[in-house]
Structures are given as structure tokens and as C-alpha cells.
């Protein structure tokens, strides 16, 4: 997290105008935004460990790997909340994301208020997951003794 206390979000979006609009809107809600336009760049940015607190991942990212593939690669090595953002609402597309440990799915034409609420919920879910993992580790350690 940056020194100013803002949460840093990596926005993986291949449509330049959409990325710019989402970046500006999210910055008005107090987030620091980094953008990438391919799945490969999302994986590389996560790999660099550049203080990303959450990833907003589009599913269609042009040529190369798509958002679901990028998310799977990222989650193999990094424990970070991912929130899928897509214009697709078809059952098959949404089901592809359900197989990935993510913190939700938001349809692109949702309002910024809905997106912000989804981001906040993703942070809460992720924090709860971390706390549960810590409790399990303490319990396991206690059982070992």
C-alpha cells in the first residue's frame, strides 16, 4: 500500500478508453490505480510485487492469455484478491471464473458505486480468508505441541 494509505489496484483492461474511465473514477474513490492491457502484463506486474492490493481483471484481454488464465497463474504464486470485471454475463463465462479463487464478478456497465462496493467486499472477504488461515496455523501449531 502506498505511504498515503491508498489501496493500490491493478486494472487489467485491454480497452484503452474503458481503462482510462475506470482509472479516473476509481481514483476519485481514493484508490491508486496501475493499468495493464494484457494478461501477460498482469502476470508480470503481480510477479514484480509492486504493492498491488487487489486486481480488477477483465476476462477478454485481446490476443494472448485471457483474464481467467492470468488469474490462475497469478494465484499460483501470490495471495491477492482478484475481482473479475467483464461485459460478459453469459453463464459459461461466469462459470469459468467460479473455478478460480476470486473475490467476485462485476459486469462492466455497473455503476462506479457498485464497483466500489464490490472492491470493498473483496477486501473484506480476503481479510477474512487471511484471518481464518492464521487461526488454522495457530491451531495446527498448538496441536503439534
N, C-alpha and C. Protein backbone atom coordinates (compact mmCIF):
# COMPACT_ATOMS: atom_id res chain seq x y z
N UNK A 1 0.84 -1.17 0.00
CA UNK A 1 0.00 0.00 0.00
C UNK A 1 0.89 1.24 0.00
N UNK A 2 0.56 2.25 -0.79
CA UNK A 2 1.36 3.46 -0.81
C UNK A 2 1.39 4.15 0.54
N UNK A 3 2.35 5.04 0.74
CA UNK A 3 2.50 5.73 2.02
C UNK A 3 1.30 6.59 2.36
N UNK A 4 0.53 7.02 1.36
CA UNK A 4 -0.62 7.87 1.63
C UNK A 4 -1.84 7.08 2.13
N UNK A 5 -1.69 5.77 2.28
CA UNK A 5 -2.77 4.95 2.82
C UNK A 5 -3.75 4.45 1.78
N UNK A 6 -3.59 4.84 0.54
CA UNK A 6 -4.50 4.38 -0.51
C UNK A 6 -4.22 2.93 -0.85
N UNK A 7 -5.27 2.20 -1.12
CA UNK A 7 -5.11 0.84 -1.63
C UNK A 7 -4.73 0.92 -3.10
N UNK A 8 -3.81 0.07 -3.51
CA UNK A 8 -3.36 0.05 -4.90
C UNK A 8 -4.06 -1.08 -5.65
N UNK A 9 -4.69 -0.72 -6.75
CA UNK A 9 -5.42 -1.67 -7.57
C UNK A 9 -4.74 -1.78 -8.93
N UNK A 10 -4.53 -3.01 -9.36
CA UNK A 10 -4.05 -3.26 -10.72
C UNK A 10 -5.28 -3.50 -11.59
N UNK A 11 -5.46 -2.65 -12.58
CA UNK A 11 -6.57 -2.76 -13.50
C UNK A 11 -6.07 -3.37 -14.80
N UNK A 12 -6.51 -4.61 -15.08
CA UNK A 12 -6.14 -5.30 -16.31
C UNK A 12 -7.30 -5.16 -17.29
N UNK A 13 -7.13 -4.25 -18.25
CA UNK A 13 -8.19 -3.91 -19.21
C UNK A 13 -7.54 -3.56 -20.55
N UNK A 14 -7.97 -4.24 -21.62
CA UNK A 14 -7.37 -4.00 -22.92
C UNK A 14 -7.99 -2.84 -23.69
N UNK A 15 -9.16 -2.42 -23.33
CA UNK A 15 -9.82 -1.29 -24.00
C UNK A 15 -9.33 0.01 -23.36
N UNK A 16 -8.57 0.80 -24.11
CA UNK A 16 -7.92 1.99 -23.57
C UNK A 16 -8.91 2.98 -22.97
N UNK A 17 -10.00 3.26 -23.66
CA UNK A 17 -10.97 4.23 -23.17
C UNK A 17 -11.64 3.75 -21.88
N UNK A 18 -11.96 2.47 -21.83
CA UNK A 18 -12.58 1.92 -20.62
C UNK A 18 -11.58 1.98 -19.47
N UNK A 19 -10.33 1.62 -19.74
CA UNK A 19 -9.30 1.66 -18.70
C UNK A 19 -9.12 3.07 -18.16
N UNK A 20 -9.08 4.06 -19.04
CA UNK A 20 -8.91 5.44 -18.61
C UNK A 20 -10.10 5.91 -17.77
N UNK A 21 -11.30 5.57 -18.21
CA UNK A 21 -12.50 5.99 -17.48
C UNK A 21 -12.56 5.33 -16.10
N UNK A 22 -12.28 4.02 -16.05
CA UNK A 22 -12.29 3.32 -14.76
C UNK A 22 -11.20 3.84 -13.84
N UNK A 23 -10.03 4.11 -14.39
CA UNK A 23 -8.92 4.63 -13.61
C UNK A 23 -9.30 5.96 -12.97
N UNK A 24 -9.83 6.87 -13.77
CA UNK A 24 -10.21 8.18 -13.25
C UNK A 24 -11.31 8.07 -12.19
N UNK A 25 -12.31 7.23 -12.45
CA UNK A 25 -13.41 7.08 -11.50
C UNK A 25 -12.92 6.47 -10.19
N UNK A 26 -12.08 5.44 -10.28
CA UNK A 26 -11.58 4.78 -9.07
C UNK A 26 -10.63 5.68 -8.28
N UNK A 27 -9.88 6.50 -8.97
CA UNK A 27 -9.01 7.45 -8.28
C UNK A 27 -9.85 8.46 -7.49
N UNK A 28 -11.00 8.83 -8.01
CA UNK A 28 -11.90 9.73 -7.28
C UNK A 28 -12.45 9.06 -6.02
N UNK A 29 -12.48 7.74 -6.01
CA UNK A 29 -12.92 7.00 -4.83
C UNK A 29 -11.76 6.71 -3.87
N UNK A 30 -10.59 7.24 -4.18
CA UNK A 30 -9.46 7.15 -3.27
C UNK A 30 -8.48 6.01 -3.49
N UNK A 31 -8.56 5.34 -4.62
CA UNK A 31 -7.65 4.24 -4.91
C UNK A 31 -6.48 4.72 -5.77
N UNK A 32 -5.34 4.10 -5.60
CA UNK A 32 -4.21 4.29 -6.51
C UNK A 32 -4.33 3.21 -7.57
N UNK A 33 -4.28 3.58 -8.84
CA UNK A 33 -4.54 2.64 -9.92
C UNK A 33 -3.32 2.49 -10.82
N UNK A 34 -2.96 1.23 -11.08
CA UNK A 34 -1.97 0.89 -12.10
C UNK A 34 -2.74 0.15 -13.18
N UNK A 35 -2.40 0.40 -14.43
CA UNK A 35 -3.13 -0.29 -15.50
C UNK A 35 -2.18 -1.11 -16.37
N UNK A 36 -2.70 -2.22 -16.86
CA UNK A 36 -2.03 -3.05 -17.86
C UNK A 36 -3.08 -3.44 -18.88
N UNK A 37 -2.63 -3.80 -20.08
CA UNK A 37 -3.60 -4.09 -21.14
C UNK A 37 -3.55 -5.52 -21.66
N UNK A 38 -2.76 -6.39 -21.03
CA UNK A 38 -2.73 -7.79 -21.44
C UNK A 38 -2.65 -8.69 -20.21
N UNK A 39 -3.01 -9.94 -20.41
CA UNK A 39 -2.89 -10.91 -19.33
C UNK A 39 -1.44 -11.13 -18.94
N UNK A 40 -0.57 -11.15 -19.93
CA UNK A 40 0.85 -11.33 -19.67
C UNK A 40 1.41 -10.21 -18.80
N UNK A 41 1.01 -8.97 -19.09
CA UNK A 41 1.48 -7.83 -18.30
C UNK A 41 0.91 -7.88 -16.88
N UNK A 42 -0.30 -8.38 -16.73
CA UNK A 42 -0.88 -8.52 -15.39
C UNK A 42 -0.06 -9.52 -14.57
N UNK A 43 0.30 -10.64 -15.19
CA UNK A 43 1.11 -11.66 -14.52
C UNK A 43 2.46 -11.07 -14.14
N UNK A 44 3.09 -10.36 -15.07
CA UNK A 44 4.41 -9.78 -14.81
C UNK A 44 4.35 -8.74 -13.70
N UNK A 45 3.34 -7.89 -13.70
CA UNK A 45 3.21 -6.86 -12.67
C UNK A 45 3.00 -7.49 -11.30
N UNK A 46 2.18 -8.53 -11.24
CA UNK A 46 1.96 -9.23 -9.96
C UNK A 46 3.26 -9.90 -9.50
N UNK A 47 4.00 -10.44 -10.45
CA UNK A 47 5.27 -11.12 -10.15
C UNK A 47 6.29 -10.15 -9.56
N UNK A 48 6.28 -8.91 -10.05
CA UNK A 48 7.22 -7.90 -9.57
C UNK A 48 6.94 -7.50 -8.13
N UNK A 49 5.74 -7.81 -7.65
CA UNK A 49 5.40 -7.49 -6.27
C UNK A 49 5.39 -5.99 -6.01
N UNK A 50 4.74 -5.26 -6.87
CA UNK A 50 4.77 -3.80 -6.80
C UNK A 50 3.69 -3.20 -5.89
N UNK A 51 3.41 -3.85 -4.77
CA UNK A 51 2.48 -3.29 -3.80
C UNK A 51 1.03 -3.31 -4.22
N UNK A 52 0.66 -4.27 -5.06
CA UNK A 52 -0.72 -4.37 -5.52
C UNK A 52 -1.56 -4.99 -4.39
N UNK A 53 -2.67 -4.33 -4.06
CA UNK A 53 -3.57 -4.82 -3.01
C UNK A 53 -4.73 -5.63 -3.57
N UNK A 54 -5.08 -5.40 -4.84
CA UNK A 54 -6.22 -6.08 -5.46
C UNK A 54 -6.06 -5.97 -6.96
N UNK A 55 -6.57 -6.96 -7.68
CA UNK A 55 -6.55 -6.91 -9.15
C UNK A 55 -7.98 -6.90 -9.66
N UNK A 56 -8.28 -5.91 -10.51
CA UNK A 56 -9.53 -5.89 -11.26
C UNK A 56 -9.19 -6.48 -12.62
N UNK A 57 -9.71 -7.65 -12.90
CA UNK A 57 -9.29 -8.41 -14.08
C UNK A 57 -10.41 -8.53 -15.10
N UNK A 58 -10.20 -7.93 -16.27
CA UNK A 58 -11.10 -8.15 -17.40
C UNK A 58 -10.88 -9.59 -17.87
N UNK A 59 -11.89 -10.19 -18.45
CA UNK A 59 -11.74 -11.55 -18.94
C UNK A 59 -11.17 -11.56 -20.36
N UNK A 60 -11.73 -10.74 -21.23
CA UNK A 60 -11.21 -10.63 -22.60
C UNK A 60 -10.10 -9.60 -22.61
N UNK A 61 -8.88 -10.06 -22.87
CA UNK A 61 -7.73 -9.16 -22.88
C UNK A 61 -7.00 -9.19 -24.22
N UNK A 62 -7.75 -9.30 -25.30
CA UNK A 62 -7.14 -9.32 -26.63
C UNK A 62 -6.42 -10.62 -26.89
N UNK A 63 -5.35 -10.53 -27.69
CA UNK A 63 -4.58 -11.73 -28.02
C UNK A 63 -3.73 -12.13 -26.82
N UNK A 64 -3.31 -13.36 -26.78
CA UNK A 64 -2.53 -13.85 -25.65
C UNK A 64 -3.46 -14.47 -24.62
N UNK A 65 -2.96 -14.55 -23.38
CA UNK A 65 -3.77 -15.20 -22.35
C UNK A 65 -4.91 -14.28 -21.91
N UNK A 66 -6.03 -14.89 -21.57
CA UNK A 66 -7.17 -14.09 -21.13
C UNK A 66 -7.09 -13.88 -19.61
N UNK A 67 -8.07 -13.16 -19.09
CA UNK A 67 -8.06 -12.82 -17.67
C UNK A 67 -8.15 -14.01 -16.74
N UNK A 68 -8.91 -15.04 -17.14
CA UNK A 68 -9.00 -16.21 -16.26
C UNK A 68 -7.67 -16.95 -16.20
N UNK A 69 -7.00 -17.06 -17.34
CA UNK A 69 -5.69 -17.72 -17.35
C UNK A 69 -4.67 -16.91 -16.55
N UNK A 70 -4.70 -15.59 -16.73
CA UNK A 70 -3.77 -14.73 -15.99
C UNK A 70 -4.02 -14.86 -14.48
N UNK A 71 -5.28 -14.88 -14.09
CA UNK A 71 -5.62 -15.01 -12.67
C UNK A 71 -5.10 -16.32 -12.09
N UNK A 72 -5.27 -17.42 -12.83
CA UNK A 72 -4.79 -18.72 -12.36
C UNK A 72 -3.28 -18.70 -12.15
N UNK A 73 -2.55 -18.10 -13.09
CA UNK A 73 -1.09 -18.02 -12.98
C UNK A 73 -0.70 -17.17 -11.77
N UNK A 74 -1.33 -16.03 -11.63
CA UNK A 74 -1.02 -15.13 -10.52
C UNK A 74 -1.28 -15.82 -9.18
N UNK A 75 -2.41 -16.49 -9.06
CA UNK A 75 -2.79 -17.10 -7.78
C UNK A 75 -1.93 -18.31 -7.41
N UNK A 76 -1.21 -18.88 -8.37
CA UNK A 76 -0.30 -19.98 -8.05
C UNK A 76 0.84 -19.50 -7.16
N UNK A 77 1.24 -18.24 -7.34
CA UNK A 77 2.41 -17.72 -6.64
C UNK A 77 2.13 -16.55 -5.71
N UNK A 78 0.94 -15.98 -5.77
CA UNK A 78 0.63 -14.78 -4.99
C UNK A 78 -0.74 -14.90 -4.35
N UNK A 79 -0.81 -14.47 -3.12
CA UNK A 79 -2.08 -14.45 -2.41
C UNK A 79 -2.63 -13.03 -2.50
N UNK A 80 -3.49 -12.80 -3.46
CA UNK A 80 -4.01 -11.46 -3.72
C UNK A 80 -5.46 -11.57 -4.17
N UNK A 81 -6.30 -10.66 -3.71
CA UNK A 81 -7.70 -10.72 -4.15
C UNK A 81 -7.84 -10.30 -5.61
N UNK A 82 -8.64 -11.06 -6.34
CA UNK A 82 -8.93 -10.75 -7.74
C UNK A 82 -10.43 -10.62 -7.90
N UNK A 83 -10.82 -9.52 -8.52
CA UNK A 83 -12.22 -9.26 -8.81
C UNK A 83 -12.35 -9.19 -10.32
N UNK A 84 -13.14 -10.09 -10.89
CA UNK A 84 -13.32 -10.09 -12.34
C UNK A 84 -14.31 -9.01 -12.74
N UNK A 85 -13.97 -8.30 -13.80
CA UNK A 85 -14.84 -7.25 -14.35
C UNK A 85 -14.96 -7.55 -15.85
N UNK A 86 -16.17 -7.78 -16.31
CA UNK A 86 -16.34 -8.17 -17.70
C UNK A 86 -17.68 -7.70 -18.24
N UNK A 87 -17.74 -7.54 -19.54
CA UNK A 87 -19.01 -7.20 -20.18
C UNK A 87 -19.86 -8.45 -20.40
N UNK A 88 -19.25 -9.61 -20.16
CA UNK A 88 -19.97 -10.88 -20.35
C UNK A 88 -20.81 -11.23 -19.13
N UNK A 89 -22.04 -11.64 -19.40
CA UNK A 89 -22.87 -12.14 -18.32
C UNK A 89 -23.42 -13.52 -18.66
N UNK A 90 -22.86 -14.13 -19.72
CA UNK A 90 -23.29 -15.46 -20.12
C UNK A 90 -22.85 -16.48 -19.07
N UNK A 91 -23.68 -17.46 -18.85
CA UNK A 91 -23.44 -18.47 -17.84
C UNK A 91 -22.07 -19.14 -17.98
N UNK A 92 -21.70 -19.51 -19.20
CA UNK A 92 -20.44 -20.23 -19.42
C UNK A 92 -19.24 -19.38 -19.01
N UNK A 93 -19.30 -18.09 -19.31
CA UNK A 93 -18.19 -17.20 -18.98
C UNK A 93 -18.08 -17.03 -17.47
N UNK A 94 -19.21 -16.77 -16.83
CA UNK A 94 -19.21 -16.59 -15.38
C UNK A 94 -18.74 -17.87 -14.69
N UNK A 95 -19.17 -19.02 -15.17
CA UNK A 95 -18.76 -20.30 -14.58
C UNK A 95 -17.26 -20.53 -14.67
N UNK A 96 -16.63 -20.03 -15.74
CA UNK A 96 -15.17 -20.15 -15.85
C UNK A 96 -14.48 -19.46 -14.69
N UNK A 97 -15.03 -18.34 -14.25
CA UNK A 97 -14.40 -17.60 -13.15
C UNK A 97 -14.68 -18.26 -11.80
N UNK A 98 -15.76 -19.01 -11.71
CA UNK A 98 -16.10 -19.65 -10.43
C UNK A 98 -15.10 -20.72 -10.04
N UNK A 99 -14.38 -21.25 -10.99
CA UNK A 99 -13.39 -22.29 -10.70
C UNK A 99 -12.09 -21.69 -10.17
N UNK A 100 -12.00 -20.36 -10.21
CA UNK A 100 -10.80 -19.66 -9.76
C UNK A 100 -11.11 -18.98 -8.43
N UNK A 101 -10.18 -19.07 -7.50
CA UNK A 101 -10.38 -18.41 -6.22
C UNK A 101 -10.34 -16.90 -6.43
N UNK A 102 -11.51 -16.32 -6.53
CA UNK A 102 -11.59 -14.88 -6.74
C UNK A 102 -12.52 -14.29 -5.70
N UNK A 103 -12.65 -13.01 -5.74
CA UNK A 103 -13.49 -12.32 -4.78
C UNK A 103 -14.73 -11.73 -5.43
N UNK A 104 -15.10 -12.24 -6.59
CA UNK A 104 -16.34 -11.77 -7.19
C UNK A 104 -16.26 -11.51 -8.67
N UNK A 105 -17.39 -11.04 -9.18
CA UNK A 105 -17.58 -10.79 -10.60
C UNK A 105 -18.50 -9.59 -10.75
N UNK A 106 -18.07 -8.59 -11.47
CA UNK A 106 -18.86 -7.38 -11.69
C UNK A 106 -19.01 -7.17 -13.18
N UNK A 107 -20.22 -6.88 -13.61
CA UNK A 107 -20.48 -6.59 -15.02
C UNK A 107 -20.03 -5.16 -15.29
N UNK A 108 -19.32 -4.96 -16.41
CA UNK A 108 -18.69 -3.67 -16.73
C UNK A 108 -19.63 -2.49 -16.71
N UNK A 109 -20.85 -2.63 -17.15
CA UNK A 109 -21.71 -1.45 -17.19
C UNK A 109 -22.35 -1.12 -15.85
N UNK A 110 -21.88 -1.78 -14.79
CA UNK A 110 -22.34 -1.43 -13.44
C UNK A 110 -21.80 -0.04 -13.09
N UNK A 111 -22.49 0.63 -12.21
CA UNK A 111 -22.06 1.97 -11.81
C UNK A 111 -20.77 1.90 -10.99
N UNK A 112 -20.08 3.03 -10.89
CA UNK A 112 -18.86 3.10 -10.09
C UNK A 112 -19.17 2.81 -8.62
N UNK A 113 -20.36 3.14 -8.18
CA UNK A 113 -20.76 2.86 -6.80
C UNK A 113 -20.81 1.35 -6.56
N UNK A 114 -21.35 0.62 -7.52
CA UNK A 114 -21.41 -0.85 -7.42
C UNK A 114 -20.00 -1.43 -7.47
N UNK A 115 -19.16 -0.92 -8.35
CA UNK A 115 -17.79 -1.40 -8.45
C UNK A 115 -17.04 -1.14 -7.15
N UNK A 116 -17.18 0.05 -6.60
CA UNK A 116 -16.53 0.39 -5.33
C UNK A 116 -17.01 -0.53 -4.21
N UNK A 117 -18.32 -0.76 -4.14
CA UNK A 117 -18.86 -1.67 -3.12
C UNK A 117 -18.31 -3.08 -3.29
N UNK A 118 -18.17 -3.52 -4.54
CA UNK A 118 -17.61 -4.85 -4.81
C UNK A 118 -16.15 -4.92 -4.42
N UNK A 119 -15.41 -3.86 -4.66
CA UNK A 119 -14.00 -3.81 -4.26
C UNK A 119 -13.89 -3.89 -2.74
N UNK A 120 -14.70 -3.12 -2.04
CA UNK A 120 -14.67 -3.14 -0.58
C UNK A 120 -15.03 -4.53 -0.04
N UNK A 121 -16.01 -5.17 -0.65
CA UNK A 121 -16.39 -6.53 -0.24
C UNK A 121 -15.27 -7.51 -0.52
N UNK A 122 -14.58 -7.34 -1.64
CA UNK A 122 -13.46 -8.22 -1.98
C UNK A 122 -12.37 -8.10 -0.92
N UNK A 123 -12.09 -6.88 -0.47
CA UNK A 123 -11.10 -6.69 0.58
C UNK A 123 -11.55 -7.36 1.87
N UNK A 124 -12.83 -7.24 2.22
CA UNK A 124 -13.35 -7.89 3.44
C UNK A 124 -13.25 -9.41 3.34
N UNK A 125 -13.63 -9.96 2.20
CA UNK A 125 -13.55 -11.41 2.01
C UNK A 125 -12.10 -11.89 2.11
N UNK A 126 -11.20 -11.15 1.49
CA UNK A 126 -9.79 -11.53 1.51
C UNK A 126 -9.24 -11.45 2.93
N UNK A 127 -9.58 -10.39 3.66
CA UNK A 127 -9.12 -10.25 5.05
C UNK A 127 -9.64 -11.39 5.91
N UNK A 128 -10.91 -11.77 5.71
CA UNK A 128 -11.48 -12.88 6.46
C UNK A 128 -10.76 -14.19 6.13
N UNK A 129 -10.41 -14.37 4.87
CA UNK A 129 -9.67 -15.57 4.45
C UNK A 129 -8.31 -15.63 5.13
N UNK A 130 -7.61 -14.50 5.19
CA UNK A 130 -6.30 -14.44 5.83
C UNK A 130 -6.42 -14.73 7.32
N UNK A 131 -7.41 -14.15 7.96
CA UNK A 131 -7.61 -14.37 9.41
C UNK A 131 -7.92 -15.84 9.69
N UNK A 132 -8.72 -16.45 8.84
CA UNK A 132 -9.05 -17.87 9.00
C UNK A 132 -7.81 -18.73 8.85
N UNK A 133 -6.98 -18.39 7.86
CA UNK A 133 -5.74 -19.12 7.65
C UNK A 133 -4.81 -18.99 8.86
N UNK A 134 -4.75 -17.79 9.44
CA UNK A 134 -3.91 -17.57 10.62
C UNK A 134 -4.42 -18.38 11.81
N UNK A 135 -5.74 -18.43 11.99
CA UNK A 135 -6.33 -19.23 13.07
C UNK A 135 -5.99 -20.71 12.89
N UNK A 136 -6.09 -21.18 11.65
CA UNK A 136 -5.77 -22.58 11.37
C UNK A 136 -4.30 -22.88 11.67
N UNK A 137 -3.42 -21.94 11.34
CA UNK A 137 -1.99 -22.13 11.60
C UNK A 137 -1.72 -22.18 13.10
N UNK A 138 -2.39 -21.32 13.86
CA UNK A 138 -2.22 -21.32 15.32
C UNK A 138 -2.75 -22.64 15.90
N UNK A 139 -3.90 -23.07 15.43
CA UNK A 139 -4.47 -24.33 15.89
C UNK A 139 -3.55 -25.50 15.55
N UNK A 140 -3.03 -25.51 14.35
CA UNK A 140 -2.12 -26.59 13.94
C UNK A 140 -0.87 -26.58 14.78
N UNK A 141 -0.33 -25.41 15.04
CA UNK A 141 0.86 -25.27 15.87
C UNK A 141 0.58 -25.75 17.29
N UNK A 142 -0.60 -25.42 17.80
CA UNK A 142 -1.00 -25.83 19.14
C UNK A 142 -1.12 -27.36 19.22
N UNK A 143 -1.68 -27.95 18.17
CA UNK A 143 -1.83 -29.42 18.14
C UNK A 143 -0.48 -30.11 18.07
N UNK A 144 0.49 -29.48 17.42
CA UNK A 144 1.83 -30.05 17.31
C UNK A 144 2.52 -30.12 18.68
N UNK A 145 2.22 -29.14 19.53
CA UNK A 145 2.84 -29.09 20.85
C UNK A 145 2.19 -30.10 21.72
